[in-house]
């Protein structure tokens, strides 16, 4: 049962391009260009608990998914 629960909660990793040719502000006003979608990041301040959301205008097409990754590690450039 634990394995089934973990599989059901597994995140989906997708890589999408940012649409740098169009304005996220215009998209937030309801004018989302065809082929694009607005996505949000969410950050919580650990001290105040305040939540901040940032909007991004991304191409709707997924270029790469996690199914192609075999290994990952954290590294500082």
PDB file of N, CA and C in Angstrom:
ATOM      1  N   UNK A   1       0.835  -1.192   0.000  1.00  0.00           N
ATOM      2  CA  UNK A   1       0.000   0.000   0.000  1.00  0.00           C
ATOM      3  C   UNK A   1       0.883   1.260   0.000  1.00  0.00           C
ATOM      4  N   UNK A   2       1.984   1.216   0.747  1.00  0.00           N
ATOM      5  CA  UNK A   2       2.873   2.389   0.798  1.00  0.00           C
ATOM      6  C   UNK A   2       3.420   2.720  -0.590  1.00  0.00           C
ATOM      7  N   UNK A   3       3.796   1.709  -1.352  1.00  0.00           N
ATOM      8  CA  UNK A   3       4.314   1.934  -2.710  1.00  0.00           C
ATOM      9  C   UNK A   3       3.251   2.572  -3.591  1.00  0.00           C
ATOM     10  N   UNK A   4       2.029   2.111  -3.485  1.00  0.00           N
ATOM     11  CA  UNK A   4       0.938   2.691  -4.277  1.00  0.00           C
ATOM     12  C   UNK A   4       0.721   4.147  -3.892  1.00  0.00           C
ATOM     13  N   UNK A   5       0.774   4.441  -2.592  1.00  0.00           N
ATOM     14  CA  UNK A   5       0.609   5.823  -2.125  1.00  0.00           C
ATOM     15  C   UNK A   5       1.722   6.723  -2.649  1.00  0.00           C
ATOM     16  N   UNK A   6       2.966   6.230  -2.638  1.00  0.00           N
ATOM     17  CA  UNK A   6       4.094   7.024  -3.128  1.00  0.00           C
ATOM     18  C   UNK A   6       3.995   7.270  -4.626  1.00  0.00           C
ATOM     19  N   UNK A   7       3.622   6.266  -5.370  1.00  0.00           N
ATOM     20  CA  UNK A   7       3.483   6.422  -6.820  1.00  0.00           C
ATOM     21  C   UNK A   7       2.400   7.434  -7.136  1.00  0.00           C
ATOM     22  N   UNK A   8       1.331   7.408  -6.392  1.00  0.00           N
ATOM     23  CA  UNK A   8       0.237   8.347  -6.609  1.00  0.00           C
ATOM     24  C   UNK A   8       0.614   9.784  -6.320  1.00  0.00           C
ATOM     25  N   UNK A   9       1.656  10.006  -5.533  1.00  0.00           N
ATOM     26  CA  UNK A   9       2.075  11.357  -5.174  1.00  0.00           C
ATOM     27  C   UNK A   9       3.323  11.809  -5.919  1.00  0.00           C
ATOM     28  N   UNK A  10       3.831  11.018  -6.807  1.00  0.00           N
ATOM     29  CA  UNK A  10       5.046  11.360  -7.529  1.00  0.00           C
ATOM     30  C   UNK A  10       4.813  12.589  -8.406  1.00  0.00           C
ATOM     31  N   UNK A  11       5.731  13.531  -8.335  1.00  0.00           N
ATOM     32  CA  UNK A  11       5.617  14.771  -9.113  1.00  0.00           C
ATOM     33  C   UNK A  11       5.987  14.518 -10.573  1.00  0.00           C
ATOM     34  N   UNK A  12       5.502  15.387 -11.430  1.00  0.00           N
ATOM     35  CA  UNK A  12       5.826  15.331 -12.852  1.00  0.00           C
ATOM     36  C   UNK A  12       6.818  16.447 -13.155  1.00  0.00           C
ATOM     37  N   UNK A  13       7.960  16.087 -13.679  1.00  0.00           N
ATOM     38  CA  UNK A  13       8.983  17.065 -14.024  1.00  0.00           C
ATOM     39  C   UNK A  13       8.892  17.375 -15.510  1.00  0.00           C
ATOM     40  N   UNK A  14       8.689  18.659 -15.831  1.00  0.00           N
ATOM     41  CA  UNK A  14       8.611  19.093 -17.224  1.00  0.00           C
ATOM     42  C   UNK A  14       9.493  20.320 -17.419  1.00  0.00           C
ATOM     43  N   UNK A  15      10.160  20.372 -18.559  1.00  0.00           N
ATOM     44  CA  UNK A  15      10.957  21.530 -18.930  1.00  0.00           C
ATOM     45  C   UNK A  15      10.238  22.260 -20.055  1.00  0.00           C
ATOM     46  N   UNK A  16       9.964  23.551 -19.841  1.00  0.00           N
ATOM     47  CA  UNK A  16       9.272  24.373 -20.836  1.00  0.00           C
ATOM     48  C   UNK A  16      10.071  25.656 -21.043  1.00  0.00           C
ATOM     49  N   UNK A  17       9.942  26.241 -22.216  1.00  0.00           N
ATOM     50  CA  UNK A  17      10.626  27.499 -22.513  1.00  0.00           C
ATOM     51  C   UNK A  17       9.811  28.686 -22.020  1.00  0.00           C
ATOM     52  N   UNK A  18      10.504  29.705 -21.534  1.00  0.00           N
ATOM     53  CA  UNK A  18       9.859  30.970 -21.185  1.00  0.00           C
ATOM     54  C   UNK A  18       9.614  31.734 -22.481  1.00  0.00           C
ATOM     55  N   UNK A  19       8.419  32.307 -22.629  1.00  0.00           N
ATOM     56  CA  UNK A  19       8.116  33.125 -23.811  1.00  0.00           C
ATOM     57  C   UNK A  19       8.640  34.532 -23.548  1.00  0.00           C
ATOM     58  N   UNK A  20       9.827  34.810 -24.053  1.00  0.00           N
ATOM     59  CA  UNK A  20      10.462  36.113 -23.833  1.00  0.00           C
ATOM     60  C   UNK A  20      10.018  37.158 -24.847  1.00  0.00           C
ATOM     61  N   UNK A  21       9.236  36.750 -25.832  1.00  0.00           N
ATOM     62  CA  UNK A  21       8.770  37.677 -26.865  1.00  0.00           C
ATOM     63  C   UNK A  21       7.477  38.380 -26.460  1.00  0.00           C
ATOM     64  N   UNK A  22       6.796  37.853 -25.455  1.00  0.00           N
ATOM     65  CA  UNK A  22       5.506  38.413 -25.061  1.00  0.00           C
ATOM     66  C   UNK A  22       5.525  38.795 -23.589  1.00  0.00           C
ATOM     67  N   UNK A  23       4.552  39.596 -23.190  1.00  0.00           N
ATOM     68  CA  UNK A  23       4.496  40.150 -21.844  1.00  0.00           C
ATOM     69  C   UNK A  23       3.631  39.301 -20.911  1.00  0.00           C
ATOM     70  N   UNK A  24       4.207  38.913 -19.773  1.00  0.00           N
ATOM     71  CA  UNK A  24       3.427  38.183 -18.776  1.00  0.00           C
ATOM     72  C   UNK A  24       2.338  39.083 -18.196  1.00  0.00           C
ATOM     73  N   UNK A  25       2.589  40.383 -18.142  1.00  0.00           N
ATOM     74  CA  UNK A  25       1.584  41.321 -17.631  1.00  0.00           C
ATOM     75  C   UNK A  25       0.337  41.315 -18.513  1.00  0.00           C
ATOM     76  N   UNK A  26       0.524  41.286 -19.821  1.00  0.00           N
ATOM     77  CA  UNK A  26      -0.618  41.225 -20.738  1.00  0.00           C
ATOM     78  C   UNK A  26      -1.365  39.900 -20.575  1.00  0.00           C
ATOM     79  N   UNK A  27      -0.624  38.833 -20.382  1.00  0.00           N
ATOM     80  CA  UNK A  27      -1.254  37.525 -20.191  1.00  0.00           C
ATOM     81  C   UNK A  27      -2.093  37.514 -18.915  1.00  0.00           C
ATOM     82  N   UNK A  28      -1.615  38.180 -17.874  1.00  0.00           N
ATOM     83  CA  UNK A  28      -2.356  38.240 -16.616  1.00  0.00           C
ATOM     84  C   UNK A  28      -3.633  39.064 -16.744  1.00  0.00           C
ATOM     85  N   UNK A  29      -3.696  39.907 -17.757  1.00  0.00           N
ATOM     86  CA  UNK A  29      -4.914  40.689 -18.015  1.00  0.00           C
ATOM     87  C   UNK A  29      -5.913  39.896 -18.847  1.00  0.00           C
ATOM     88  N   UNK A  30      -5.600  38.636 -19.125  1.00  0.00           N
ATOM     89  CA  UNK A  30      -6.520  37.783 -19.867  1.00  0.00           C
ATOM     90  C   UNK A  30      -6.168  37.603 -21.322  1.00  0.00           C
ATOM     91  N   UNK A  31      -5.043  38.157 -21.746  1.00  0.00           N
ATOM     92  CA  UNK A  31      -4.638  38.035 -23.146  1.00  0.00           C
ATOM     93  C   UNK A  31      -3.443  37.077 -23.264  1.00  0.00           C
ATOM     94  N   UNK A  32      -3.727  35.805 -23.007  1.00  0.00           N
ATOM     95  CA  UNK A  32      -2.677  34.786 -23.097  1.00  0.00           C
ATOM     96  C   UNK A  32      -2.527  34.382 -24.559  1.00  0.00           C
ATOM     97  N   UNK A  33      -1.327  34.536 -25.120  1.00  0.00           N
ATOM     98  CA  UNK A  33      -1.114  34.179 -26.527  1.00  0.00           C
ATOM     99  C   UNK A  33      -1.353  32.686 -26.772  1.00  0.00           C
ATOM    100  N   UNK A  34      -1.795  32.372 -27.972  1.00  0.00           N
ATOM    101  CA  UNK A  34      -1.973  30.967 -28.353  1.00  0.00           C
ATOM    102  C   UNK A  34      -0.636  30.245 -28.225  1.00  0.00           C
ATOM    103  N   UNK A  35      -0.660  29.066 -27.664  1.00  0.00           N
ATOM    104  CA  UNK A  35       0.561  28.279 -27.500  1.00  0.00           C
ATOM    105  C   UNK A  35       1.315  28.585 -26.223  1.00  0.00           C
ATOM    106  N   UNK A  36       0.786  29.482 -25.400  1.00  0.00           N
ATOM    107  CA  UNK A  36       1.417  29.839 -24.132  1.00  0.00           C
ATOM    108  C   UNK A  36       0.473  29.534 -22.978  1.00  0.00           C
ATOM    109  N   UNK A  37       1.027  29.524 -21.771  1.00  0.00           N
ATOM    110  CA  UNK A  37       0.230  29.326 -20.569  1.00  0.00           C
ATOM    111  C   UNK A  37       0.934  30.027 -19.414  1.00  0.00           C
ATOM    112  N   UNK A  38       0.159  30.554 -18.483  1.00  0.00           N
ATOM    113  CA  UNK A  38       0.724  31.212 -17.308  1.00  0.00           C
ATOM    114  C   UNK A  38       0.912  30.164 -16.208  1.00  0.00           C
ATOM    115  N   UNK A  39       2.117  30.121 -15.657  1.00  0.00           N
ATOM    116  CA  UNK A  39       2.439  29.238 -14.536  1.00  0.00           C
ATOM    117  C   UNK A  39       2.919  30.107 -13.380  1.00  0.00           C
ATOM    118  N   UNK A  40       2.794  29.591 -12.163  1.00  0.00           N
ATOM    119  CA  UNK A  40       3.178  30.349 -10.974  1.00  0.00           C
ATOM    120  C   UNK A  40       4.188  29.574 -10.140  1.00  0.00           C
ATOM    121  N   UNK A  41       5.125  30.318  -9.561  1.00  0.00           N
ATOM    122  CA  UNK A  41       5.979  29.746  -8.528  1.00  0.00           C
ATOM    123  C   UNK A  41       5.434  30.252  -7.198  1.00  0.00           C
ATOM    124  N   UNK A  42       5.731  29.531  -6.140  1.00  0.00           N
ATOM    125  CA  UNK A  42       5.224  29.893  -4.819  1.00  0.00           C
ATOM    126  C   UNK A  42       6.378  29.823  -3.835  1.00  0.00           C
ATOM    127  N   UNK A  43       6.621  30.931  -3.134  1.00  0.00           N
ATOM    128  CA  UNK A  43       7.669  30.965  -2.113  1.00  0.00           C
ATOM    129  C   UNK A  43       7.046  31.376  -0.792  1.00  0.00           C
ATOM    130  N   UNK A  44       7.422  30.671   0.264  1.00  0.00           N
ATOM    131  CA  UNK A  44       6.929  30.986   1.598  1.00  0.00           C
ATOM    132  C   UNK A  44       8.098  31.500   2.423  1.00  0.00           C
ATOM    133  N   UNK A  45       7.935  32.694   2.996  1.00  0.00           N
ATOM    134  CA  UNK A  45       8.960  33.258   3.872  1.00  0.00           C
ATOM    135  C   UNK A  45       8.983  32.423   5.149  1.00  0.00           C
ATOM    136  N   UNK A  46      10.129  31.820   5.493  1.00  0.00           N
ATOM    137  CA  UNK A  46      10.180  30.937   6.656  1.00  0.00           C
ATOM    138  C   UNK A  46       9.959  31.662   7.985  1.00  0.00           C
ATOM    139  N   UNK A  47      10.216  32.952   8.013  1.00  0.00           N
ATOM    140  CA  UNK A  47      10.055  33.714   9.255  1.00  0.00           C
ATOM    141  C   UNK A  47       8.622  34.197   9.426  1.00  0.00           C
ATOM    142  N   UNK A  48       8.081  34.841   8.384  1.00  0.00           N
ATOM    143  CA  UNK A  48       6.747  35.444   8.491  1.00  0.00           C
ATOM    144  C   UNK A  48       5.630  34.509   8.033  1.00  0.00           C
ATOM    145  N   UNK A  49       5.975  33.506   7.240  1.00  0.00           N
ATOM    146  CA  UNK A  49       4.949  32.627   6.695  1.00  0.00           C
ATOM    147  C   UNK A  49       4.216  33.235   5.509  1.00  0.00           C
ATOM    148  N   UNK A  50       4.625  34.439   5.109  1.00  0.00           N
ATOM    149  CA  UNK A  50       3.976  35.121   3.984  1.00  0.00           C
ATOM    150  C   UNK A  50       4.277  34.374   2.680  1.00  0.00           C
ATOM    151  N   UNK A  51       3.231  34.211   1.877  1.00  0.00           N
ATOM    152  CA  UNK A  51       3.349  33.498   0.604  1.00  0.00           C
ATOM    153  C   UNK A  51       3.451  34.508  -0.530  1.00  0.00           C
ATOM    154  N   UNK A  52       4.445  34.318  -1.401  1.00  0.00           N
ATOM    155  CA  UNK A  52       4.609  35.185  -2.572  1.00  0.00           C
ATOM    156  C   UNK A  52       4.540  34.321  -3.823  1.00  0.00           C
ATOM    157  N   UNK A  53       3.667  34.724  -4.745  1.00  0.00           N
ATOM    158  CA  UNK A  53       3.538  34.019  -6.018  1.00  0.00           C
ATOM    159  C   UNK A  53       4.116  34.883  -7.124  1.00  0.00           C
ATOM    160  N   UNK A  54       4.846  34.239  -8.044  1.00  0.00           N
ATOM    161  CA  UNK A  54       5.411  34.926  -9.199  1.00  0.00           C
ATOM    162  C   UNK A  54       4.883  34.248 -10.455  1.00  0.00           C
ATOM    163  N   UNK A  55       4.393  35.060 -11.392  1.00  0.00           N
ATOM    164  CA  UNK A  55       3.834  34.525 -12.637  1.00  0.00           C
ATOM    165  C   UNK A  55       4.906  34.450 -13.716  1.00  0.00           C
ATOM    166  N   UNK A  56       4.822  33.391 -14.528  1.00  0.00           N
ATOM    167  CA  UNK A  56       5.720  33.197 -15.662  1.00  0.00           C
ATOM    168  C   UNK A  56       4.875  32.843 -16.880  1.00  0.00           C
ATOM    169  N   UNK A  57       5.236  33.379 -18.025  1.00  0.00           N
ATOM    170  CA  UNK A  57       4.573  33.032 -19.277  1.00  0.00           C
ATOM    171  C   UNK A  57       5.457  32.012 -19.987  1.00  0.00           C
ATOM    172  N   UNK A  58       4.966  30.774 -20.060  1.00  0.00           N
ATOM    173  CA  UNK A  58       5.747  29.688 -20.642  1.00  0.00           C
ATOM    174  C   UNK A  58       5.079  29.158 -21.898  1.00  0.00           C
ATOM    175  N   UNK A  59       5.908  28.651 -22.786  1.00  0.00           N
ATOM    176  CA  UNK A  59       5.389  27.959 -23.962  1.00  0.00           C
ATOM    177  C   UNK A  59       4.660  26.706 -23.471  1.00  0.00           C
ATOM    178  N   UNK A  60       3.515  26.420 -24.040  1.00  0.00           N
ATOM    179  CA  UNK A  60       2.703  25.293 -23.593  1.00  0.00           C
ATOM    180  C   UNK A  60       3.352  23.951 -23.922  1.00  0.00           C
ATOM    181  N   UNK A  61       4.154  23.918 -24.957  1.00  0.00           N
ATOM    182  CA  UNK A  61       4.792  22.674 -25.400  1.00  0.00           C
ATOM    183  C   UNK A  61       5.899  22.255 -24.423  1.00  0.00           C
ATOM    184  N   UNK A  62       5.858  21.012 -23.994  1.00  0.00           N
ATOM    185  CA  UNK A  62       6.884  20.463 -23.112  1.00  0.00           C
ATOM    186  C   UNK A  62       8.043  19.960 -23.963  1.00  0.00           C
ATOM    187  N   UNK A  63       9.255  20.455 -23.666  1.00  0.00           N
ATOM    188  CA  UNK A  63      10.429  20.048 -24.446  1.00  0.00           C
ATOM    189  C   UNK A  63      11.069  18.772 -23.922  1.00  0.00           C
ATOM    190  N   UNK A  64      10.988  18.576 -22.619  1.00  0.00           N
ATOM    191  CA  UNK A  64      11.657  17.434 -22.011  1.00  0.00           C
ATOM    192  C   UNK A  64      10.929  17.086 -20.726  1.00  0.00           C
ATOM    193  N   UNK A  65      10.807  15.801 -20.438  1.00  0.00           N
ATOM    194  CA  UNK A  65      10.201  15.378 -19.182  1.00  0.00           C
ATOM    195  C   UNK A  65      11.216  14.589 -18.368  1.00  0.00           C
ATOM    196  N   UNK A  66      10.875  14.331 -17.138  1.00  0.00           N
ATOM    197  CA  UNK A  66      11.759  13.599 -16.247  1.00  0.00           C
ATOM    198  C   UNK A  66      11.998  12.158 -16.653  1.00  0.00           C
ATOM    199  N   UNK A  67      11.180  11.631 -17.559  1.00  0.00           N
ATOM    200  CA  UNK A  67      11.360  10.235 -17.958  1.00  0.00           C
ATOM    201  C   UNK A  67      12.710  10.004 -18.635  1.00  0.00           C
ATOM    202  N   UNK A  68      13.338  11.069 -19.139  1.00  0.00           N
ATOM    203  CA  UNK A  68      14.625  10.936 -19.820  1.00  0.00           C
ATOM    204  C   UNK A  68      15.814  11.111 -18.882  1.00  0.00           C
ATOM    205  N   UNK A  69      15.554  11.463 -17.634  1.00  0.00           N
ATOM    206  CA  UNK A  69      16.635  11.659 -16.673  1.00  0.00           C
ATOM    207  C   UNK A  69      16.957  10.345 -15.978  1.00  0.00           C
ATOM    208  N   UNK A  70      18.235  10.047 -15.890  1.00  0.00           N
ATOM    209  CA  UNK A  70      18.648   8.836 -15.194  1.00  0.00           C
ATOM    210  C   UNK A  70      19.385   9.152 -13.907  1.00  0.00           C
ATOM    211  N   UNK A  71      19.874  10.397 -13.784  1.00  0.00           N
ATOM    212  CA  UNK A  71      20.626  10.785 -12.597  1.00  0.00           C
ATOM    213  C   UNK A  71      20.525  12.296 -12.433  1.00  0.00           C
ATOM    214  N   UNK A  72      20.528  12.751 -11.202  1.00  0.00           N
ATOM    215  CA  UNK A  72      20.501  14.189 -10.933  1.00  0.00           C
ATOM    216  C   UNK A  72      21.269  14.461  -9.651  1.00  0.00           C
ATOM    217  N   UNK A  73      21.905  15.612  -9.598  1.00  0.00           N
ATOM    218  CA  UNK A  73      22.624  15.999  -8.387  1.00  0.00           C
ATOM    219  C   UNK A  73      22.639  17.512  -8.277  1.00  0.00           C
ATOM    220  N   UNK A  74      22.776  17.987  -7.053  1.00  0.00           N
ATOM    221  CA  UNK A  74      22.839  19.421  -6.792  1.00  0.00           C
ATOM    222  C   UNK A  74      24.290  19.853  -6.868  1.00  0.00           C
ATOM    223  N   UNK A  75      24.523  20.962  -7.577  1.00  0.00           N
ATOM    224  CA  UNK A  75      25.883  21.463  -7.726  1.00  0.00           C
ATOM    225  C   UNK A  75      25.842  22.982  -7.804  1.00  0.00           C
ATOM    226  N   UNK A  76      26.768  23.657  -7.175  1.00  0.00           N
ATOM    227  CA  UNK A  76      26.859  25.114  -7.229  1.00  0.00           C
ATOM    228  C   UNK A  76      27.837  25.499  -8.323  1.00  0.00           C
ATOM    229  N   UNK A  77      27.403  26.402  -9.223  1.00  0.00           N
ATOM    230  CA  UNK A  77      28.276  26.872 -10.306  1.00  0.00           C
ATOM    231  C   UNK A  77      29.237  27.920  -9.798  1.00  0.00           C
TER     232      UNK A  77
END
